[in-house]
Amino acid sequence: MNWMLLPYRRYAEFSGRSRRREYWMFVLFYLLVFVVLNAVFGTNEVTRTPTGFGYGSRLVGGGGLLGGLFALASLLPALAVSVRRLHDQDRTGWLVLLALIPFLGGFALLVLMCLEGTRGPNRFGPDPKNPAGAEIFS
């Protein structure tokens, strides 16, 4: 749970580096919140469309408001942890703007978020896996 909430503690901190674990646990927490909101406030509906049937799910009642407030409160931490994740690979945080390119940009950003960070310190700070930077067997 500590890893899931760490981006909220580093709310608008765009400097430094973040491990893959911090990023993906934040994503998991974000998705779990919306799964719970959908389980409590969600409605699933099947509608007839000109081409067949359509399936949809939406939050009703107070769920839409809660979901919107949570998404708004999580926007800045999500951007910050994404930028720090790119910094961990010694890449500029501006690459987060790839998400604005339809289809391919989101896929490219997904691939970048899965890559391992650089070992040792880089221009954005010390290695989050080994902050001391000491090599034991060097």
Protein backbone atom coordinates (compact mmCIF):
# COMPACT_ATOMS: atom_id res chain seq x y z
CA MET A 1 0.00 0.00 0.00
CA ASN A 2 2.96 2.30 0.64
CA TRP A 3 3.98 2.15 -3.04
CA MET A 4 0.43 2.89 -4.16
CA LEU A 5 0.20 6.08 -2.13
CA LEU A 6 3.77 7.34 -2.61
CA PRO A 7 2.87 9.47 -5.67
CA TYR A 8 0.24 11.25 -3.56
CA ARG A 9 2.89 12.07 -0.95
CA ARG A 10 5.15 13.39 -3.72
CA TYR A 11 2.07 15.20 -5.13
CA ALA A 12 3.55 17.73 -7.56
CA GLU A 13 7.20 16.70 -7.45
CA PHE A 14 8.38 16.51 -11.05
CA SER A 15 12.07 16.24 -10.25
CA GLY A 16 13.89 13.08 -9.34
CA ARG A 17 13.29 9.49 -10.35
CA SER A 18 10.63 6.84 -9.71
CA ARG A 19 10.95 3.08 -9.95
CA ARG A 20 8.70 0.91 -12.08
CA ARG A 21 7.14 -0.44 -8.89
CA GLU A 22 6.04 3.03 -7.78
CA TYR A 23 4.51 3.80 -11.17
CA TRP A 24 2.68 0.51 -11.69
CA MET A 25 1.41 0.29 -8.11
CA PHE A 26 -0.02 3.80 -8.54
CA VAL A 27 -1.73 2.68 -11.76
CA LEU A 28 -3.08 -0.41 -9.99
CA PHE A 29 -4.44 1.71 -7.11
CA TYR A 30 -6.09 4.11 -9.57
CA LEU A 31 -7.78 1.25 -11.42
CA LEU A 32 -8.87 -0.47 -8.20
CA VAL A 33 -10.57 2.71 -7.00
CA PHE A 34 -12.61 2.87 -10.20
CA VAL A 35 -13.43 -0.86 -10.03
CA VAL A 36 -14.77 -0.35 -6.50
CA LEU A 37 -16.69 2.78 -7.56
CA ASN A 38 -18.17 0.85 -10.48
CA ALA A 39 -19.13 -2.05 -8.21
CA VAL A 40 -20.90 0.31 -5.79
CA PHE A 41 -22.29 3.02 -8.08
CA GLY A 42 -22.04 1.49 -11.54
CA THR A 43 -24.75 0.44 -13.91
CA ASN A 44 -24.22 -1.91 -16.80
CA GLU A 45 -26.55 -1.62 -19.72
CA VAL A 46 -27.08 -3.26 -23.06
CA THR A 47 -28.64 -1.05 -25.71
CA ARG A 48 -29.79 -1.77 -29.23
CA THR A 49 -27.80 0.05 -31.88
CA PRO A 50 -28.29 0.12 -35.66
CA THR A 51 -25.51 -2.45 -36.05
CA GLY A 52 -26.55 -4.76 -33.22
CA PHE A 53 -26.17 -4.43 -29.49
CA GLY A 54 -23.95 -2.08 -27.52
CA TYR A 55 -22.68 -2.60 -24.01
CA GLY A 56 -21.88 0.24 -21.64
CA SER A 57 -21.03 0.88 -18.05
CA ARG A 58 -21.27 4.18 -16.24
CA LEU A 59 -21.24 5.59 -12.75
CA VAL A 60 -24.61 6.84 -11.53
CA GLY A 61 -25.70 8.95 -8.59
CA GLY A 62 -22.88 10.12 -6.35
CA GLY A 63 -20.45 7.74 -8.06
CA GLY A 64 -19.96 10.06 -11.01
CA LEU A 65 -19.11 12.93 -8.69
CA LEU A 66 -16.77 10.79 -6.57
CA GLY A 67 -15.08 9.37 -9.66
CA GLY A 68 -14.64 12.82 -11.17
CA LEU A 69 -13.20 14.27 -7.98
CA PHE A 70 -10.81 11.33 -7.58
CA ALA A 71 -9.67 11.61 -11.20
CA LEU A 72 -9.13 15.36 -10.80
CA ALA A 73 -7.20 14.90 -7.55
CA SER A 74 -5.06 12.19 -9.18
CA LEU A 75 -4.21 14.12 -12.35
CA LEU A 76 -1.17 15.96 -10.99
CA PRO A 77 0.32 12.94 -9.16
CA ALA A 78 -0.19 10.83 -12.31
CA LEU A 79 1.67 13.36 -14.45
CA ALA A 80 4.42 13.74 -11.86
CA VAL A 81 5.03 10.00 -11.43
CA SER A 82 5.05 9.57 -15.22
CA VAL A 83 7.66 12.30 -15.61
CA ARG A 84 9.78 10.82 -12.80
CA ARG A 85 9.47 7.39 -14.42
CA LEU A 86 10.88 8.82 -17.66
CA HIS A 87 13.62 10.53 -15.66
CA ASP A 88 14.58 7.12 -14.26
CA GLN A 89 15.45 6.10 -17.83
CA ASP A 90 17.46 9.32 -18.35
CA ARG A 91 14.79 10.66 -20.72
CA THR A 92 13.14 14.04 -20.70
CA GLY A 93 9.78 14.31 -18.99
CA TRP A 94 8.34 16.05 -22.03
CA LEU A 95 7.93 12.61 -23.59
CA VAL A 96 4.77 12.30 -21.51
CA LEU A 97 3.17 14.42 -24.26
CA LEU A 98 3.32 11.32 -26.48
CA ALA A 99 0.01 10.42 -24.86
CA LEU A 100 -1.61 13.16 -26.95
CA ILE A 101 -0.88 11.27 -30.19
CA PRO A 102 -3.82 8.94 -30.88
CA PHE A 103 -3.15 5.19 -30.61
CA LEU A 104 0.61 5.09 -31.27
CA GLY A 105 1.52 7.71 -28.66
CA GLY A 106 -0.19 5.85 -25.85
CA PHE A 107 1.39 2.58 -26.92
CA ALA A 108 4.85 4.17 -27.11
CA LEU A 109 4.40 5.64 -23.62
CA LEU A 110 3.26 2.25 -22.32
CA VAL A 111 6.45 0.67 -23.68
CA LEU A 112 8.58 3.41 -22.10
CA MET A 113 6.92 2.91 -18.72
CA CYS A 114 7.79 -0.80 -18.85
CA LEU A 115 11.50 -0.29 -19.55
CA GLU A 116 14.07 -0.57 -16.78
CA GLY A 117 15.69 2.60 -15.48
CA THR A 118 19.35 3.43 -15.85
CA ARG A 119 21.62 1.91 -13.24
CA GLY A 120 23.47 4.31 -11.02
CA PRO A 121 22.96 8.05 -10.85
CA ASN A 122 21.94 9.99 -13.93
CA ARG A 123 21.29 13.68 -14.62
CA PHE A 124 17.97 13.50 -12.76
CA GLY A 125 19.27 12.10 -9.49
CA PRO A 126 20.49 8.99 -7.71
CA ASP A 127 19.31 5.50 -8.56
CA PRO A 128 16.06 4.85 -6.63
CA LYS A 129 16.91 1.14 -6.33
CA ASN A 130 20.37 1.87 -4.91
CA PRO A 131 20.42 5.47 -3.64
CA ALA A 132 23.93 5.15 -2.22
CA GLY A 133 25.21 4.28 -5.68
CA ALA A 134 27.82 1.98 -4.19
CA GLU A 135 28.82 -1.05 -6.18
CA ILE A 136 29.63 -3.93 -3.85
CA PHE A 137 31.72 -5.99 -6.24
CA SER A 138 33.36 -3.28 -8.32
